[in-house]
Every structure is written in C-alpha cells, then in structure tokens.
Amino acid sequence: MNTKSYIPAFMVLLYLAVLHYYAIIYKWYFHFWWTDVMAHALGGLWIGLTVYWLIERFRKVQALSFILSTAIIICTTVFIAIGWEIFEFIYKLNESYLPDIYLYDTVSDIIMAIIGSGIASIYTNLIQKKNEYR
C-alpha cells in the first residue's frame, strides 16, 4: 500500500484553493471564462485522487482492478459534482440565470469534473502499476 498517496490530492487541493482565492479577489471567474472550467477540472482531479487515497487506506483486498477503481472514482465525482451544482443553484453562486445558459454551464462543469477524475484514475493506475513492479 502506498502510504503517501494523499500527497498528490493535497497538492491539487492546495493549488485549487489558491486559484479560487485569487479568482474571487481579482474576479477572474467573470473576466476569464476558462477559470471556472479549470476550477471544476481540478475539483474532479482532487476528488479522484482523494477517493483513490481512501481506497488505498481502507481497502481489505490486495488491489482493485482498474475498471472497478475507475468506476468508484467517477461515480463518486459525479455524485459530488451534482451536489455542488445544486449548492450553486440554491445559493445563486452562478452569475447566469437564463435557463439555457445555466444548463450549459452546469453540464460543462460536471463534464469537467468527470474529465478531472478520469485523469486522476489514469494517474493512480500508473502509480499502482509502478508500485507493483517494485
């Protein structure tokens, strides 16, 4: 078991927190459309890496297959991303209130989170393979 698998998740979370801080202070979310895209992709990456760390930390079997771990990572990310979008809707954190624009933004946010978690899944699979050859 890789006991330091939390480090990449922590680093991504730290980067995401700094990005979000400056995006709020300097209003990057309003000036640069891609800031929101990057934030949601990094959020998905962080969720994926965190889920992998939790799997590594608490699993009882030797190793999970790539398919199973990817399914767990992506399903968890979708669940959290949808929850986040509901949170944004309830507290009106999205600047666009037109239904078609809001729907597009919501779907693209969820897709970016899934892409981020897919990258996390591929990364963690490569790390797992590397550790098997040691």
N, C-alpha and C. Protein backbone atom coordinates (compact mmCIF):
# COMPACT_ATOMS: atom_id res chain seq x y z
N MET A 1 0.84 -1.18 0.00
CA MET A 1 0.00 0.00 0.00
C MET A 1 0.89 1.24 0.00
N ASN A 2 0.52 2.21 -0.80
CA ASN A 2 1.24 3.47 -0.89
C ASN A 2 0.72 4.40 0.20
N THR A 3 1.47 4.56 1.27
CA THR A 3 1.01 5.36 2.39
C THR A 3 1.07 6.86 2.11
N LYS A 4 1.74 7.25 1.04
CA LYS A 4 1.84 8.67 0.71
C LYS A 4 0.95 9.05 -0.46
N SER A 5 -0.08 8.27 -0.73
CA SER A 5 -0.95 8.57 -1.86
C SER A 5 -1.83 9.78 -1.62
N TYR A 6 -1.84 10.32 -0.41
CA TYR A 6 -2.60 11.53 -0.12
C TYR A 6 -1.87 12.79 -0.58
N ILE A 7 -0.58 12.72 -0.82
CA ILE A 7 0.21 13.91 -1.15
C ILE A 7 -0.25 14.56 -2.46
N PRO A 8 -0.44 13.81 -3.57
CA PRO A 8 -0.93 14.47 -4.78
C PRO A 8 -2.30 15.12 -4.58
N ALA A 9 -3.18 14.47 -3.83
CA ALA A 9 -4.51 15.04 -3.56
C ALA A 9 -4.38 16.35 -2.78
N PHE A 10 -3.50 16.36 -1.79
CA PHE A 10 -3.28 17.57 -1.00
C PHE A 10 -2.72 18.69 -1.87
N MET A 11 -1.77 18.36 -2.75
CA MET A 11 -1.17 19.38 -3.62
C MET A 11 -2.20 19.98 -4.58
N VAL A 12 -3.05 19.13 -5.14
CA VAL A 12 -4.10 19.64 -6.05
C VAL A 12 -5.08 20.52 -5.27
N LEU A 13 -5.46 20.08 -4.07
CA LEU A 13 -6.38 20.88 -3.26
C LEU A 13 -5.77 22.23 -2.91
N LEU A 14 -4.50 22.24 -2.57
CA LEU A 14 -3.81 23.50 -2.27
C LEU A 14 -3.81 24.42 -3.49
N TYR A 15 -3.48 23.87 -4.66
CA TYR A 15 -3.48 24.67 -5.89
C TYR A 15 -4.88 25.20 -6.19
N LEU A 16 -5.89 24.34 -6.02
CA LEU A 16 -7.28 24.74 -6.26
C LEU A 16 -7.69 25.85 -5.30
N ALA A 17 -7.30 25.74 -4.04
CA ALA A 17 -7.66 26.77 -3.05
C ALA A 17 -7.01 28.11 -3.40
N VAL A 18 -5.75 28.08 -3.82
CA VAL A 18 -5.07 29.32 -4.20
C VAL A 18 -5.71 29.91 -5.45
N LEU A 19 -6.00 29.07 -6.44
CA LEU A 19 -6.67 29.54 -7.66
C LEU A 19 -8.02 30.17 -7.31
N HIS A 20 -8.80 29.51 -6.49
CA HIS A 20 -10.12 30.02 -6.12
C HIS A 20 -10.01 31.33 -5.35
N TYR A 21 -9.05 31.42 -4.45
CA TYR A 21 -8.84 32.65 -3.68
C TYR A 21 -8.57 33.83 -4.61
N TYR A 22 -7.62 33.65 -5.52
CA TYR A 22 -7.29 34.74 -6.43
C TYR A 22 -8.39 35.01 -7.45
N ALA A 23 -9.11 33.98 -7.84
CA ALA A 23 -10.22 34.16 -8.77
C ALA A 23 -11.33 34.99 -8.14
N ILE A 24 -11.54 34.81 -6.85
CA ILE A 24 -12.55 35.63 -6.15
C ILE A 24 -12.04 37.06 -5.98
N ILE A 25 -10.81 37.20 -5.50
CA ILE A 25 -10.25 38.53 -5.22
C ILE A 25 -10.18 39.38 -6.49
N TYR A 26 -9.68 38.79 -7.57
CA TYR A 26 -9.48 39.55 -8.81
C TYR A 26 -10.58 39.34 -9.84
N LYS A 27 -11.67 38.69 -9.42
CA LYS A 27 -12.84 38.47 -10.28
C LYS A 27 -12.51 37.75 -11.59
N TRP A 28 -11.60 36.77 -11.51
CA TRP A 28 -11.22 36.01 -12.69
C TRP A 28 -12.39 35.20 -13.23
N TYR A 29 -13.29 34.77 -12.35
CA TYR A 29 -14.44 33.99 -12.81
C TYR A 29 -15.30 34.80 -13.79
N PHE A 30 -15.30 36.12 -13.64
CA PHE A 30 -16.10 36.98 -14.52
C PHE A 30 -15.32 37.44 -15.74
N HIS A 31 -14.00 37.53 -15.62
CA HIS A 31 -13.18 38.04 -16.71
C HIS A 31 -12.64 36.93 -17.63
N PHE A 32 -12.38 35.77 -17.08
CA PHE A 32 -11.80 34.67 -17.85
C PHE A 32 -12.70 33.44 -17.71
N TRP A 33 -13.42 33.10 -18.77
CA TRP A 33 -14.38 32.00 -18.71
C TRP A 33 -13.73 30.67 -18.35
N TRP A 34 -12.47 30.51 -18.72
CA TRP A 34 -11.79 29.24 -18.51
C TRP A 34 -11.38 29.01 -17.05
N THR A 35 -11.45 30.05 -16.22
CA THR A 35 -11.11 29.86 -14.81
C THR A 35 -12.09 28.90 -14.14
N ASP A 36 -13.38 29.03 -14.45
CA ASP A 36 -14.39 28.12 -13.90
C ASP A 36 -14.18 26.71 -14.42
N VAL A 37 -13.83 26.60 -15.69
CA VAL A 37 -13.57 25.29 -16.30
C VAL A 37 -12.39 24.62 -15.59
N MET A 38 -11.31 25.38 -15.38
CA MET A 38 -10.13 24.84 -14.72
C MET A 38 -10.44 24.46 -13.27
N ALA A 39 -11.22 25.29 -12.59
CA ALA A 39 -11.56 25.00 -11.20
C ALA A 39 -12.35 23.69 -11.09
N HIS A 40 -13.30 23.47 -11.99
CA HIS A 40 -14.08 22.24 -11.93
C HIS A 40 -13.26 21.01 -12.33
N ALA A 41 -12.36 21.18 -13.28
CA ALA A 41 -11.48 20.07 -13.65
C ALA A 41 -10.54 19.72 -12.50
N LEU A 42 -9.98 20.74 -11.86
CA LEU A 42 -9.12 20.49 -10.69
C LEU A 42 -9.92 19.89 -9.54
N GLY A 43 -11.17 20.33 -9.38
CA GLY A 43 -12.02 19.74 -8.36
C GLY A 43 -12.24 18.26 -8.61
N GLY A 44 -12.49 17.90 -9.86
CA GLY A 44 -12.65 16.48 -10.22
C GLY A 44 -11.36 15.70 -10.00
N LEU A 45 -10.24 16.31 -10.35
CA LEU A 45 -8.94 15.68 -10.13
C LEU A 45 -8.72 15.45 -8.63
N TRP A 46 -9.03 16.46 -7.82
CA TRP A 46 -8.88 16.33 -6.37
C TRP A 46 -9.78 15.23 -5.81
N ILE A 47 -11.04 15.21 -6.25
CA ILE A 47 -11.96 14.17 -5.77
C ILE A 47 -11.41 12.80 -6.14
N GLY A 48 -10.98 12.64 -7.40
CA GLY A 48 -10.45 11.35 -7.85
C GLY A 48 -9.25 10.90 -7.04
N LEU A 49 -8.31 11.81 -6.81
CA LEU A 49 -7.12 11.46 -6.03
C LEU A 49 -7.47 11.15 -4.58
N THR A 50 -8.43 11.87 -4.03
CA THR A 50 -8.86 11.63 -2.65
C THR A 50 -9.56 10.29 -2.52
N VAL A 51 -10.42 9.97 -3.49
CA VAL A 51 -11.10 8.67 -3.46
C VAL A 51 -10.08 7.54 -3.58
N TYR A 52 -9.09 7.72 -4.45
CA TYR A 52 -8.03 6.71 -4.56
C TYR A 52 -7.31 6.54 -3.23
N TRP A 53 -6.97 7.65 -2.57
CA TRP A 53 -6.30 7.57 -1.28
C TRP A 53 -7.17 6.82 -0.27
N LEU A 54 -8.48 7.13 -0.26
CA LEU A 54 -9.39 6.44 0.67
C LEU A 54 -9.47 4.94 0.35
N ILE A 55 -9.48 4.61 -0.93
CA ILE A 55 -9.49 3.19 -1.33
C ILE A 55 -8.21 2.51 -0.82
N GLU A 56 -7.08 3.16 -1.05
CA GLU A 56 -5.80 2.60 -0.61
C GLU A 56 -5.74 2.48 0.91
N ARG A 57 -6.29 3.44 1.58
CA ARG A 57 -6.21 3.49 3.05
C ARG A 57 -7.07 2.43 3.72
N PHE A 58 -8.27 2.19 3.16
CA PHE A 58 -9.23 1.34 3.85
C PHE A 58 -9.56 0.02 3.16
N ARG A 59 -8.92 -0.26 2.05
CA ARG A 59 -9.27 -1.50 1.34
C ARG A 59 -8.79 -2.72 2.11
N LYS A 60 -9.54 -3.79 1.94
CA LYS A 60 -9.21 -5.04 2.63
C LYS A 60 -8.63 -6.08 1.67
N VAL A 61 -8.78 -5.85 0.39
CA VAL A 61 -8.25 -6.79 -0.60
C VAL A 61 -6.91 -6.27 -1.11
N GLN A 62 -6.20 -7.12 -1.82
CA GLN A 62 -4.87 -6.76 -2.31
C GLN A 62 -4.90 -5.52 -3.21
N ALA A 63 -5.71 -5.55 -4.25
CA ALA A 63 -5.80 -4.42 -5.16
C ALA A 63 -7.12 -4.48 -5.92
N LEU A 64 -7.62 -3.33 -6.29
CA LEU A 64 -8.83 -3.27 -7.10
C LEU A 64 -8.41 -3.19 -8.56
N SER A 65 -9.25 -3.71 -9.43
CA SER A 65 -8.96 -3.61 -10.86
C SER A 65 -9.09 -2.16 -11.31
N PHE A 66 -8.48 -1.86 -12.44
CA PHE A 66 -8.55 -0.51 -13.00
C PHE A 66 -9.99 -0.12 -13.26
N ILE A 67 -10.78 -1.05 -13.81
CA ILE A 67 -12.19 -0.77 -14.13
C ILE A 67 -12.97 -0.44 -12.86
N LEU A 68 -12.81 -1.25 -11.82
CA LEU A 68 -13.56 -1.03 -10.59
C LEU A 68 -13.14 0.26 -9.89
N SER A 69 -11.85 0.50 -9.80
CA SER A 69 -11.42 1.73 -9.13
C SER A 69 -11.84 2.96 -9.94
N THR A 70 -11.78 2.89 -11.27
CA THR A 70 -12.23 3.99 -12.11
C THR A 70 -13.72 4.23 -11.93
N ALA A 71 -14.50 3.16 -11.88
CA ALA A 71 -15.95 3.30 -11.68
C ALA A 71 -16.25 3.96 -10.34
N ILE A 72 -15.55 3.56 -9.29
CA ILE A 72 -15.76 4.15 -7.97
C ILE A 72 -15.39 5.63 -7.98
N ILE A 73 -14.24 5.95 -8.59
CA ILE A 73 -13.77 7.33 -8.64
C ILE A 73 -14.74 8.21 -9.43
N ILE A 74 -15.15 7.76 -10.60
CA ILE A 74 -16.02 8.59 -11.45
C ILE A 74 -17.42 8.71 -10.85
N CYS A 75 -17.96 7.63 -10.32
CA CYS A 75 -19.30 7.71 -9.71
C CYS A 75 -19.30 8.65 -8.50
N THR A 76 -18.27 8.58 -7.70
CA THR A 76 -18.16 9.50 -6.55
C THR A 76 -18.06 10.94 -7.03
N THR A 77 -17.28 11.15 -8.07
CA THR A 77 -17.12 12.50 -8.62
C THR A 77 -18.43 13.03 -9.16
N VAL A 78 -19.17 12.22 -9.89
CA VAL A 78 -20.47 12.65 -10.43
C VAL A 78 -21.41 13.02 -9.29
N PHE A 79 -21.45 12.19 -8.27
CA PHE A 79 -22.32 12.45 -7.12
C PHE A 79 -21.96 13.78 -6.46
N ILE A 80 -20.68 14.01 -6.22
CA ILE A 80 -20.24 15.25 -5.57
C ILE A 80 -20.44 16.45 -6.49
N ALA A 81 -20.16 16.29 -7.79
CA ALA A 81 -20.33 17.40 -8.75
C ALA A 81 -21.79 17.82 -8.84
N ILE A 82 -22.70 16.86 -8.88
CA ILE A 82 -24.12 17.20 -8.92
C ILE A 82 -24.53 17.90 -7.62
N GLY A 83 -24.03 17.39 -6.51
CA GLY A 83 -24.29 18.06 -5.23
C GLY A 83 -23.77 19.49 -5.21
N TRP A 84 -22.59 19.70 -5.78
CA TRP A 84 -22.01 21.04 -5.85
C TRP A 84 -22.87 21.95 -6.73
N GLU A 85 -23.34 21.44 -7.85
CA GLU A 85 -24.18 22.25 -8.74
C GLU A 85 -25.51 22.60 -8.08
N ILE A 86 -26.06 21.70 -7.29
CA ILE A 86 -27.28 22.00 -6.53
C ILE A 86 -26.98 23.10 -5.51
N PHE A 87 -25.84 22.99 -4.84
CA PHE A 87 -25.40 24.02 -3.89
C PHE A 87 -25.28 25.38 -4.59
N GLU A 88 -24.65 25.42 -5.77
CA GLU A 88 -24.52 26.66 -6.53
C GLU A 88 -25.88 27.23 -6.90
N PHE A 89 -26.81 26.36 -7.27
CA PHE A 89 -28.15 26.80 -7.65
C PHE A 89 -28.91 27.38 -6.46
N ILE A 90 -28.88 26.67 -5.35
CA ILE A 90 -29.62 27.11 -4.15
C ILE A 90 -29.11 28.46 -3.67
N TYR A 91 -27.80 28.64 -3.64
CA TYR A 91 -27.22 29.88 -3.13
C TYR A 91 -26.89 30.89 -4.23
N LYS A 92 -27.38 30.61 -5.45
CA LYS A 92 -27.22 31.52 -6.58
C LYS A 92 -25.78 31.99 -6.77
N LEU A 93 -24.88 31.02 -6.78
CA LEU A 93 -23.46 31.33 -6.96
C LEU A 93 -23.07 31.47 -8.42
N ASN A 94 -24.01 31.15 -9.31
CA ASN A 94 -23.75 31.25 -10.74
C ASN A 94 -24.26 32.59 -11.23
N GLU A 95 -23.46 33.28 -12.03
CA GLU A 95 -23.86 34.61 -12.50
C GLU A 95 -24.95 34.58 -13.56
N SER A 96 -25.10 33.47 -14.27
CA SER A 96 -26.08 33.42 -15.34
C SER A 96 -27.37 32.77 -14.85
N TYR A 97 -28.47 33.47 -14.98
CA TYR A 97 -29.75 32.96 -14.53
C TYR A 97 -30.66 32.57 -15.68
N LEU A 98 -30.22 32.76 -16.92
CA LEU A 98 -31.00 32.31 -18.06
C LEU A 98 -30.96 30.78 -18.09
N PRO A 99 -32.11 30.13 -18.22
CA PRO A 99 -32.16 28.67 -18.11
C PRO A 99 -31.24 27.93 -19.08
N ASP A 100 -31.18 28.35 -20.34
CA ASP A 100 -30.34 27.62 -21.30
C ASP A 100 -28.86 27.81 -21.01
N ILE A 101 -28.45 29.01 -20.61
CA ILE A 101 -27.05 29.25 -20.27
C ILE A 101 -26.69 28.53 -18.98
N TYR A 102 -27.59 28.57 -18.01
CA TYR A 102 -27.33 27.90 -16.74
C TYR A 102 -27.19 26.40 -16.94
N LEU A 103 -28.05 25.83 -17.77
CA LEU A 103 -27.98 24.40 -18.05
C LEU A 103 -26.66 24.04 -18.73
N TYR A 104 -26.24 24.84 -19.71
CA TYR A 104 -24.97 24.61 -20.40
C TYR A 104 -23.81 24.67 -19.41
N ASP A 105 -23.81 25.68 -18.54
CA ASP A 105 -22.74 25.84 -17.57
C ASP A 105 -22.72 24.66 -16.59
N THR A 106 -23.88 24.24 -16.14
CA THR A 106 -23.96 23.12 -15.20
C THR A 106 -23.44 21.84 -15.82
N VAL A 107 -23.87 21.54 -17.03
CA VAL A 107 -23.43 20.32 -17.71
C VAL A 107 -21.93 20.38 -17.97
N SER A 108 -21.42 21.53 -18.42
CA SER A 108 -19.98 21.62 -18.68
C SER A 108 -19.18 21.50 -17.39
N ASP A 109 -19.69 22.03 -16.29
CA ASP A 109 -19.00 21.89 -15.00
C ASP A 109 -18.90 20.43 -14.59
N ILE A 110 -19.98 19.69 -14.74
CA ILE A 110 -19.99 18.27 -14.38
C ILE A 110 -19.06 17.49 -15.31
N ILE A 111 -19.09 17.79 -16.59
CA ILE A 111 -18.20 17.10 -17.54
C ILE A 111 -16.74 17.38 -17.20
N MET A 112 -16.41 18.61 -16.85
CA MET A 112 -15.02 18.93 -16.50
C MET A 112 -14.60 18.20 -15.23
N ALA A 113 -15.50 18.06 -14.28
CA ALA A 113 -15.18 17.29 -13.07
C ALA A 113 -14.93 15.82 -13.42
N ILE A 114 -15.73 15.28 -14.33
CA ILE A 114 -15.54 13.89 -14.76
C ILE A 114 -14.20 13.74 -15.48
N ILE A 115 -13.85 14.69 -16.32
CA ILE A 115 -12.56 14.64 -17.01
C ILE A 115 -11.42 14.68 -15.99
N GLY A 116 -11.53 15.56 -15.00
CA GLY A 116 -10.51 15.62 -13.96
C GLY A 116 -10.39 14.31 -13.20
N SER A 117 -11.51 13.68 -12.88
CA SER A 117 -11.45 12.40 -12.17
C SER A 117 -10.94 11.29 -13.07
N GLY A 118 -11.21 11.39 -14.38
CA GLY A 118 -10.64 10.42 -15.32
C GLY A 118 -9.13 10.51 -15.37
N ILE A 119 -8.62 11.73 -15.34
CA ILE A 119 -7.17 11.93 -15.29
C ILE A 119 -6.60 11.36 -13.99
N ALA A 120 -7.31 11.58 -12.89
CA ALA A 120 -6.88 11.01 -11.61
C ALA A 120 -6.86 9.49 -11.67
N SER A 121 -7.86 8.91 -12.30
CA SER A 121 -7.93 7.46 -12.40
C SER A 121 -6.76 6.90 -13.22
N ILE A 122 -6.45 7.54 -14.32
CA ILE A 122 -5.32 7.10 -15.15
C ILE A 122 -4.00 7.26 -14.37
N TYR A 123 -3.85 8.40 -13.71
CA TYR A 123 -2.64 8.66 -12.91
C TYR A 123 -2.48 7.61 -11.82
N THR A 124 -3.54 7.36 -11.08
CA THR A 124 -3.45 6.39 -9.98
C THR A 124 -3.20 4.98 -10.49
N ASN A 125 -3.74 4.66 -11.66
CA ASN A 125 -3.46 3.35 -12.24
C ASN A 125 -1.98 3.22 -12.61
N LEU A 126 -1.41 4.28 -13.15
CA LEU A 126 0.01 4.25 -13.49
C LEU A 126 0.86 4.12 -12.23
N ILE A 127 0.49 4.81 -11.17
CA ILE A 127 1.21 4.72 -9.90
C ILE A 127 1.10 3.30 -9.34
N GLN A 128 -0.09 2.74 -9.41
CA GLN A 128 -0.31 1.39 -8.90
C GLN A 128 0.54 0.38 -9.68
N LYS A 129 0.58 0.53 -11.00
CA LYS A 129 1.41 -0.36 -11.83
C LYS A 129 2.88 -0.20 -11.49
N LYS A 130 3.32 1.04 -11.29
CA LYS A 130 4.71 1.29 -10.94
C LYS A 130 5.07 0.62 -9.63
N ASN A 131 4.17 0.70 -8.65
CA ASN A 131 4.41 0.09 -7.35
C ASN A 131 4.42 -1.42 -7.40
N GLU A 132 3.68 -2.01 -8.35
CA GLU A 132 3.66 -3.47 -8.50
C GLU A 132 4.99 -4.00 -9.01
N TYR A 133 5.70 -3.19 -9.78
CA TYR A 133 6.96 -3.63 -10.36
C TYR A 133 8.13 -3.44 -9.41
N ARG A 134 7.92 -2.86 -8.26
CA ARG A 134 9.00 -2.64 -7.29
C ARG A 134 9.24 -3.86 -6.48
